[in-house]
Protein backbone atom coordinates (compact mmCIF):
# COMPACT_ATOMS: atom_id res chain seq x y z
CA MET A 1 -24.67 75.23 26.99
CA LYS A 2 -26.63 77.20 24.45
CA LYS A 3 -24.66 77.67 21.26
CA LEU A 4 -25.23 79.26 17.88
CA HIS A 5 -25.59 76.67 15.12
CA VAL A 6 -25.37 77.35 11.41
CA ALA A 7 -26.54 74.41 9.25
CA LEU A 8 -25.59 74.30 5.57
CA ALA A 9 -27.07 71.74 3.14
CA LEU A 10 -24.95 71.16 0.04
CA ALA A 11 -27.24 69.78 -2.66
CA GLY A 12 -26.19 66.82 -4.76
CA ALA A 13 -27.05 68.83 -7.86
CA VAL A 14 -24.19 71.20 -7.03
CA ALA A 15 -21.67 68.63 -5.84
CA GLY A 16 -22.60 66.06 -8.47
CA THR A 17 -22.91 63.37 -5.75
CA ALA A 18 -25.14 62.55 -2.82
CA HIS A 19 -25.51 65.55 -0.53
CA ALA A 20 -23.23 66.11 2.46
CA GLN A 21 -24.24 67.79 5.71
CA SER A 22 -22.12 70.50 7.32
CA ALA A 23 -22.53 72.23 10.67
CA VAL A 24 -20.56 75.20 12.05
CA GLU A 25 -20.76 76.17 15.71
CA VAL A 26 -19.81 79.50 17.26
CA TYR A 27 -18.94 79.27 20.97
CA GLY A 28 -16.95 80.98 23.66
CA VAL A 29 -16.12 81.80 27.26
CA LEU A 30 -16.07 85.19 28.97
CA ASP A 31 -14.26 85.02 32.29
CA MET A 32 -13.35 88.07 34.33
CA GLY A 33 -11.94 88.04 37.84
CA PHE A 34 -10.25 90.10 40.51
CA VAL A 35 -6.76 88.86 41.37
CA ARG A 36 -4.77 89.77 44.46
CA GLU A 37 -1.12 88.64 44.43
CA SER A 38 1.20 88.87 47.42
CA GLY A 39 4.69 87.80 48.46
CA THR A 40 8.02 88.48 46.75
CA ILE A 41 9.80 85.55 45.14
CA ALA A 42 13.53 85.38 45.90
CA GLY A 43 15.32 85.19 42.57
CA LEU A 44 12.52 86.73 40.51
CA ASP A 45 13.73 89.42 38.14
CA SER A 46 12.28 91.31 35.17
CA ASN A 47 12.86 88.33 32.86
CA GLY A 48 10.97 85.84 35.03
CA PRO A 49 12.00 83.21 37.57
CA LEU A 50 15.76 82.82 37.40
CA PRO A 51 17.99 81.11 39.99
CA GLY A 52 20.11 83.76 41.67
CA GLY A 53 18.13 86.69 40.27
CA THR A 54 17.58 89.84 42.26
CA PRO A 55 14.23 89.93 44.10
CA ILE A 56 11.87 92.62 42.82
CA SER A 57 8.55 93.97 44.03
CA ALA A 58 5.72 91.67 43.04
CA GLY A 59 2.03 91.26 43.68
CA GLY A 60 -0.75 93.82 43.79
CA ASN A 61 -4.34 93.98 42.57
CA LYS A 62 -5.58 93.53 39.01
CA LEU A 63 -8.34 92.23 36.77
CA SER A 64 -7.62 88.96 34.97
CA SER A 65 -9.38 87.80 31.82
CA GLY A 66 -9.51 84.06 32.36
CA ALA A 67 -8.69 83.08 35.93
CA GLN A 68 -10.86 79.95 35.80
CA SER A 69 -11.06 79.42 32.03
CA GLY A 70 -9.33 81.39 29.30
CA THR A 71 -11.65 83.91 27.68
CA ARG A 72 -12.11 82.87 24.06
CA LEU A 73 -14.12 82.97 20.85
CA GLY A 74 -14.19 79.79 18.79
CA PHE A 75 -15.52 78.26 15.62
CA LYS A 76 -15.76 74.52 15.09
CA GLY A 77 -17.47 72.41 12.51
CA THR A 78 -17.93 69.02 10.94
CA GLU A 79 -18.90 67.76 7.52
CA ASP A 80 -20.32 64.29 6.90
CA LEU A 81 -18.36 62.85 3.99
CA GLY A 82 -20.27 59.58 3.94
CA GLY A 83 -19.26 56.04 4.82
CA GLY A 84 -18.69 56.99 8.46
CA LEU A 85 -16.03 59.58 7.55
CA LYS A 86 -16.20 63.19 8.76
CA ALA A 87 -14.10 66.30 8.21
CA LEU A 88 -13.65 68.60 11.19
CA PHE A 89 -11.99 71.88 12.14
CA VAL A 90 -11.43 74.18 15.13
CA LEU A 91 -10.36 77.84 15.11
CA GLU A 92 -10.14 79.37 18.60
CA THR A 93 -8.73 82.74 19.60
CA GLY A 94 -7.77 83.75 23.14
CA ILE A 95 -9.19 87.13 24.18
CA ALA A 96 -7.81 89.46 26.86
CA ALA A 97 -11.19 90.97 27.69
CA ASP A 98 -9.75 93.17 30.44
CA ARG A 99 -7.95 95.28 27.81
CA GLY A 100 -9.70 94.34 24.57
CA GLY A 101 -6.71 92.49 23.14
CA PHE A 102 -5.56 88.94 22.48
CA ASN A 103 -3.75 86.36 24.58
CA GLN A 104 -1.20 83.73 23.45
CA GLY A 105 1.21 86.37 22.21
CA ASN A 106 -1.40 88.22 20.11
CA LEU A 107 -1.82 85.26 17.75
CA ALA A 108 -5.00 85.38 15.69
CA PHE A 109 -6.04 81.84 16.69
CA GLY A 110 -3.51 81.17 19.42
CA ARG A 111 -5.57 78.74 21.48
CA GLN A 112 -6.25 76.15 18.76
CA SER A 113 -6.26 75.99 14.98
CA PHE A 114 -6.50 72.60 13.28
CA VAL A 115 -8.30 70.55 10.65
CA GLY A 116 -8.72 66.80 10.39
CA LEU A 117 -10.61 63.64 9.54
CA GLN A 118 -12.57 61.34 11.83
CA GLY A 119 -13.86 57.82 11.26
CA ASN A 120 -14.01 54.34 12.71
CA PHE A 121 -10.20 54.36 12.70
CA GLY A 122 -10.07 57.32 15.10
CA THR A 123 -9.22 60.99 14.51
CA VAL A 124 -6.28 62.59 12.69
CA THR A 125 -5.77 66.35 13.08
CA LEU A 126 -3.14 68.82 11.83
CA GLY A 127 -2.30 72.26 13.22
CA ARG A 128 -1.83 74.03 16.58
CA GLN A 129 -3.15 71.68 19.27
CA TYR A 130 -2.97 70.60 22.90
CA PRO A 131 -0.28 67.99 23.69
CA SER A 132 -1.43 64.64 25.06
CA TYR A 133 0.52 65.35 28.26
CA PHE A 134 -1.30 68.60 29.00
CA LEU A 135 -4.70 67.01 28.33
CA ALA A 136 -3.90 64.25 30.85
CA LEU A 137 -2.85 66.84 33.43
CA ASN A 138 -5.91 69.01 32.78
CA GLN A 139 -8.60 66.34 32.46
CA VAL A 140 -7.44 63.56 34.79
CA ALA A 141 -4.89 64.83 37.33
CA ASP A 142 -5.88 68.35 38.36
CA PRO A 143 -9.02 69.00 40.46
CA PHE A 144 -8.72 72.67 39.41
CA ALA A 145 -8.67 71.64 35.70
CA SER A 146 -5.76 74.06 35.09
CA GLY A 147 -7.79 77.03 36.30
CA LEU A 148 -7.69 79.38 39.31
CA ALA A 149 -4.95 79.86 41.88
CA GLY A 150 -3.83 76.44 43.07
CA ASN A 151 -3.91 74.79 39.64
CA ALA A 152 -1.40 72.06 38.85
CA GLN A 153 0.37 73.79 35.95
CA ASN A 154 1.98 76.22 38.44
CA LEU A 155 4.37 73.44 39.52
CA MET A 156 3.90 70.60 37.04
CA LEU A 157 4.63 72.40 33.76
CA PRO A 158 7.92 74.08 32.77
CA PRO A 159 8.07 77.81 33.69
CA SER A 160 7.74 80.24 30.79
CA ILE A 161 11.33 81.41 31.18
CA ILE A 162 12.58 78.05 29.85
CA GLU A 163 9.58 77.06 27.71
CA PRO A 164 7.48 79.94 26.29
CA ASP A 165 4.35 77.82 25.61
CA ARG A 166 4.87 75.89 28.89
CA ALA A 167 3.99 72.60 27.11
CA ILE A 168 0.35 73.71 26.94
CA ARG A 169 0.20 73.87 23.12
CA MET A 170 2.24 72.57 20.21
CA ASN A 171 2.65 74.07 16.73
CA ASN A 172 2.91 72.30 13.38
CA ALA A 173 1.46 69.19 14.97
CA VAL A 174 0.06 65.97 13.56
CA LYS A 175 -2.06 64.08 16.11
CA TYR A 176 -3.80 60.71 16.06
CA ALA A 177 -6.45 59.87 18.68
CA SER A 178 -7.79 56.33 18.80
CA PRO A 179 -11.45 55.40 19.22
CA ILE A 180 -12.52 54.38 22.73
CA ILE A 181 -12.66 50.59 23.02
CA GLY A 182 -13.85 49.14 26.31
CA GLY A 183 -12.96 52.38 28.07
CA VAL A 184 -9.38 52.33 26.71
CA SER A 185 -8.08 55.09 24.44
CA GLY A 186 -4.77 56.55 23.37
CA GLU A 187 -3.26 59.34 21.33
CA ILE A 188 0.08 60.28 19.86
CA ALA A 189 1.29 63.57 18.39
CA TYR A 190 4.39 64.91 16.66
CA GLY A 191 5.22 68.60 16.25
CA PHE A 192 7.64 69.56 13.49
CA GLY A 193 10.39 71.86 14.73
CA GLU A 194 10.75 73.59 11.35
CA VAL A 195 14.31 74.70 12.06
CA ALA A 196 16.37 75.03 8.87
CA ASP A 197 19.11 72.38 8.47
CA ASN A 198 18.19 70.68 11.77
CA GLN A 199 15.05 68.55 11.70
CA SER A 200 15.49 67.45 15.32
CA ALA A 201 15.62 70.97 16.77
CA ASN A 202 12.46 72.35 18.39
CA ARG A 203 10.43 69.21 17.63
CA VAL A 204 7.83 67.82 20.04
CA PHE A 205 6.68 64.29 20.76
CA THR A 206 3.80 63.50 23.12
CA ALA A 207 1.58 60.49 23.74
CA SER A 208 -0.84 59.04 26.27
CA ILE A 209 -2.86 55.92 26.97
CA GLY A 210 -5.59 55.50 29.52
CA TYR A 211 -8.76 53.90 30.80
CA GLN A 212 -11.94 55.77 31.69
CA GLN A 213 -15.12 54.09 32.81
CA GLN A 214 -17.21 55.56 35.60
CA PRO A 215 -16.26 55.96 38.38
CA VAL A 216 -12.52 55.68 37.60
CA ALA A 217 -10.09 57.31 35.17
CA VAL A 218 -6.38 56.47 34.81
CA ARG A 219 -3.93 57.89 32.25
CA LEU A 220 -0.20 57.61 31.52
CA ALA A 221 1.28 60.45 29.45
CA HIS A 222 4.69 61.53 28.13
CA TYR A 223 6.03 64.81 26.71
CA ARG A 224 9.38 65.55 25.06
CA LYS A 225 10.57 68.72 23.35
CA ASN A 226 14.03 69.58 22.02
CA ASN A 227 15.37 73.09 22.26
CA GLU A 228 15.98 75.23 19.17
CA THR A 229 19.54 73.95 18.74
CA ASP A 230 18.83 70.29 19.62
CA THR A 231 21.35 70.45 22.47
CA ALA A 232 18.93 69.90 25.37
CA ARG A 233 15.35 68.84 25.94
CA ILE A 234 12.35 68.92 28.23
CA THR A 235 10.85 65.56 29.18
CA SER A 236 8.01 64.73 31.56
CA THR A 237 6.15 61.51 32.28
CA LEU A 238 2.86 61.61 34.19
CA LEU A 239 0.67 58.96 35.81
CA ALA A 240 -2.71 60.40 36.78
CA ALA A 241 -5.91 58.97 38.23
CA ASN A 242 -9.21 60.05 39.74
CA TRP A 243 -12.12 58.23 41.35
CA ASP A 244 -15.64 59.66 41.55
CA PHE A 245 -17.40 58.56 44.74
CA GLY A 246 -20.40 60.79 44.08
CA VAL A 247 -20.11 62.77 47.30
CA ALA A 248 -16.50 63.58 46.37
CA LYS A 249 -14.04 63.03 43.52
CA LEU A 250 -10.48 62.17 44.54
CA PHE A 251 -7.41 62.96 42.40
CA ALA A 252 -3.83 61.71 42.50
CA ALA A 253 -0.84 62.10 40.18
CA TYR A 254 2.90 61.44 40.00
CA ALA A 255 5.28 63.01 37.48
CA ASP A 256 8.96 62.50 36.65
CA ASN A 257 10.64 65.52 34.98
CA ASP A 258 13.91 66.46 33.33
CA TRP A 259 13.72 70.11 32.26
CA PHE A 260 16.95 70.94 30.45
CA GLY A 261 18.97 68.89 32.97
CA ILE A 262 17.00 69.88 36.09
CA ASP A 263 15.44 66.70 37.52
CA SER A 264 12.35 66.75 39.72
CA ARG A 265 9.46 64.59 40.90
CA ASP A 266 5.90 65.83 41.48
CA LEU A 267 3.22 64.35 43.72
CA LEU A 268 -0.37 65.64 43.66
CA ILE A 269 -3.40 64.80 45.78
CA GLY A 270 -6.71 66.62 45.63
CA ALA A 271 -10.49 66.48 45.65
CA THR A 272 -13.65 68.16 44.45
CA VAL A 273 -16.79 68.05 46.59
CA PRO A 274 -20.09 68.99 44.90
CA TYR A 275 -23.07 70.04 46.99
CA GLY A 276 -26.05 71.28 45.01
CA GLN A 277 -24.96 74.41 43.17
CA HIS A 278 -21.72 74.55 45.19
CA THR A 279 -18.39 72.85 44.40
CA PHE A 280 -15.45 72.89 46.80
CA ILE A 281 -11.91 72.20 45.50
CA VAL A 282 -8.73 71.33 47.36
CA SER A 283 -5.26 70.35 46.14
CA PHE A 284 -1.73 69.82 47.45
CA ILE A 285 1.38 69.39 45.28
CA ARG A 286 4.90 68.54 46.35
CA LYS A 287 7.78 69.17 43.94
CA ASP A 288 11.02 67.44 44.88
CA GLY A 289 14.19 68.65 43.15
CA ARG A 290 16.49 65.66 42.67
CA ASN A 291 19.82 67.00 41.35
CA VAL A 292 19.36 70.62 42.48
CA SER A 293 18.14 72.23 45.68
CA ALA A 294 14.83 73.50 44.31
CA ASP A 295 11.79 72.09 46.12
CA ALA A 296 8.31 73.57 46.43
CA ASP A 297 4.94 72.89 48.06
CA GLN A 298 1.66 74.27 46.74
CA ALA A 299 -1.68 74.29 48.56
CA GLY A 300 -4.86 75.38 46.82
CA LEU A 301 -8.47 75.96 47.89
CA GLY A 302 -11.28 76.78 45.49
CA TYR A 303 -15.04 77.29 45.36
CA THR A 304 -17.55 77.69 42.53
CA TYR A 305 -21.25 78.52 42.69
CA LYS A 306 -23.44 77.68 39.71
CA LEU A 307 -25.92 80.47 38.91
CA SER A 308 -27.16 78.63 35.80
CA LYS A 309 -25.98 76.02 33.30
CA ARG A 310 -23.78 78.64 31.68
CA THR A 311 -22.78 81.07 34.45
CA ASN A 312 -20.91 80.56 37.71
CA LEU A 313 -19.11 82.56 40.38
CA TYR A 314 -15.70 81.48 41.69
CA ALA A 315 -13.20 82.13 44.46
CA ALA A 316 -9.80 80.53 45.03
CA TYR A 317 -6.60 80.87 47.01
CA GLY A 318 -3.23 79.34 46.22
CA ARG A 319 0.12 79.51 47.98
CA ILE A 320 3.56 78.17 47.07
CA ASP A 321 6.37 77.72 49.58
CA ASN A 322 9.66 77.59 47.66
CA GLU A 323 12.78 75.98 49.09
CA GLY A 324 16.40 76.29 48.00
CA GLY A 325 16.63 77.86 44.55
CA ALA A 326 12.99 77.27 43.53
CA THR A 327 11.18 80.32 42.13
CA PHE A 328 7.69 79.07 41.27
CA THR A 329 4.78 81.51 41.23
CA VAL A 330 1.01 81.20 41.69
CA GLY A 331 -0.82 81.88 38.43
CA ASN A 332 -4.22 81.01 37.04
CA ASN A 333 -5.55 79.63 33.77
CA SER A 334 -4.33 82.59 31.71
CA GLU A 335 -1.46 84.16 33.68
CA ASN A 336 1.76 82.79 35.19
CA GLY A 337 1.60 85.06 38.25
CA THR A 338 4.37 87.05 39.94
CA SER A 339 4.07 86.08 43.61
CA LYS A 340 4.01 83.16 46.02
CA ALA A 341 0.32 83.61 46.89
CA ALA A 342 -2.80 84.68 45.00
CA PHE A 343 -6.52 85.12 45.60
CA ASN A 344 -9.12 85.01 42.79
CA LEU A 345 -12.73 86.22 42.81
CA GLY A 346 -14.80 86.40 39.62
CA VAL A 347 -17.52 85.28 37.25
CA ARG A 348 -17.46 82.99 34.20
CA HIS A 349 -20.04 82.84 31.43
CA LEU A 350 -20.17 80.20 28.68
CA PHE A 351 -21.90 80.82 25.35
């Protein structure tokens, strides 16, 4: 991927010590796709998926900025501090290119915003970041990599009605990521709730440990978040694996969830099949409600065609069959969706 690099040399005469090297990189993604949604969800109302809600009209045609990957503009950089120590930062804003606005609730840098230090000990970062659980789901478990209709976050992350950020990002977070030793790595993160007079409220804890050495990757991850009054919590534990056979890459995952007292188990199987410039994607997820009658099955099919190293076309179809009181919807990387089925067709450009 071609990127814009800005190199700055800070002379020792100015700093009074040996010179340090800094590099700042400007990068981004522009993704625009046609989305067709169809099928009314029983229990879906104007506030989102709610058990017992009144069904409303859903679906239709629209343009989506970020069906495969969220459209964004980012800045990241490092500074060599000497002795194997580096400073680093990332500032990344989500862009709604279809309307010229911003995603992530109109936050200035709603995708990521953190600063940290990296050395032989690993990496420590502070700010708005991805939880370890979401990274395991995105990078190890999901053949769709959290993009397009059929992606795993439709069923395997809390719906926005009970968790606004859906466990995709965490605020006020301190994260430690270990170095990779013999293919083994781990990370742990804590997000301060910052609720006055209640330090337990709204706080987040997430961690993962895994092994990755071609052709196999395995990761165990956990996520826990208290609500704003510290009276209930979301917890999920995920075991994910994939195996790259060359002609195909197979994916499997199992998750155990307790979302504010609603227990469920998730099972995922999927594959990606590359063939020249073509990549075919398939996935099936079963959600089993344990203490409530709220089961769901999701089937997803996807296709990408690489026009160049930085540009590709995509098409995808996803469908969810809800059972009992389940009200899950088919979304994409940037939208939660409103219906039980969706079709995506678009183009993504990296810069």
